[in-house]
Amino acid sequence: MSESTPVADGVDHQLDPRVIPLQRIGGALFFALPALGLLVFVVMADAGPVWVKLAVWLTFVALTQWHAYRWPPRACAHASYRVDEQGMEIRKGVHWRVVINVPR
């Protein structure tokens, strides 16, 4: 029987970077609903020429998709967890740090 590393080692661990593509897909899907709603509004609105409304919509879509692509690596780099005898501690947040303690 091989000796494995204990889970409650008290060392900070980074998240697995394989979560980044999944978070990117989730972000793209999250912004798809507001993009569709804005497209319906742009098509139905009577104010201004159509090309201006479509330019605003394309800008919104481009910015939200850029954000959905660029944010997950930053969020993953600023997230860690630690498990020790007292419980589990999760640290996350890029702009605002959040520390969650889960006692044993």
Foldseek 3Di string as FASTA:
>chain_A
DDDDDDQQPQDKDFDDVVCLVVQLVVQLVVVPVVLVVLVVVLVPDPPDDSVVSVVVSVVSNVVSNVCSNPVSVQFRVQWIKHHHPQGIWIWTDDPDIDIDGDGD
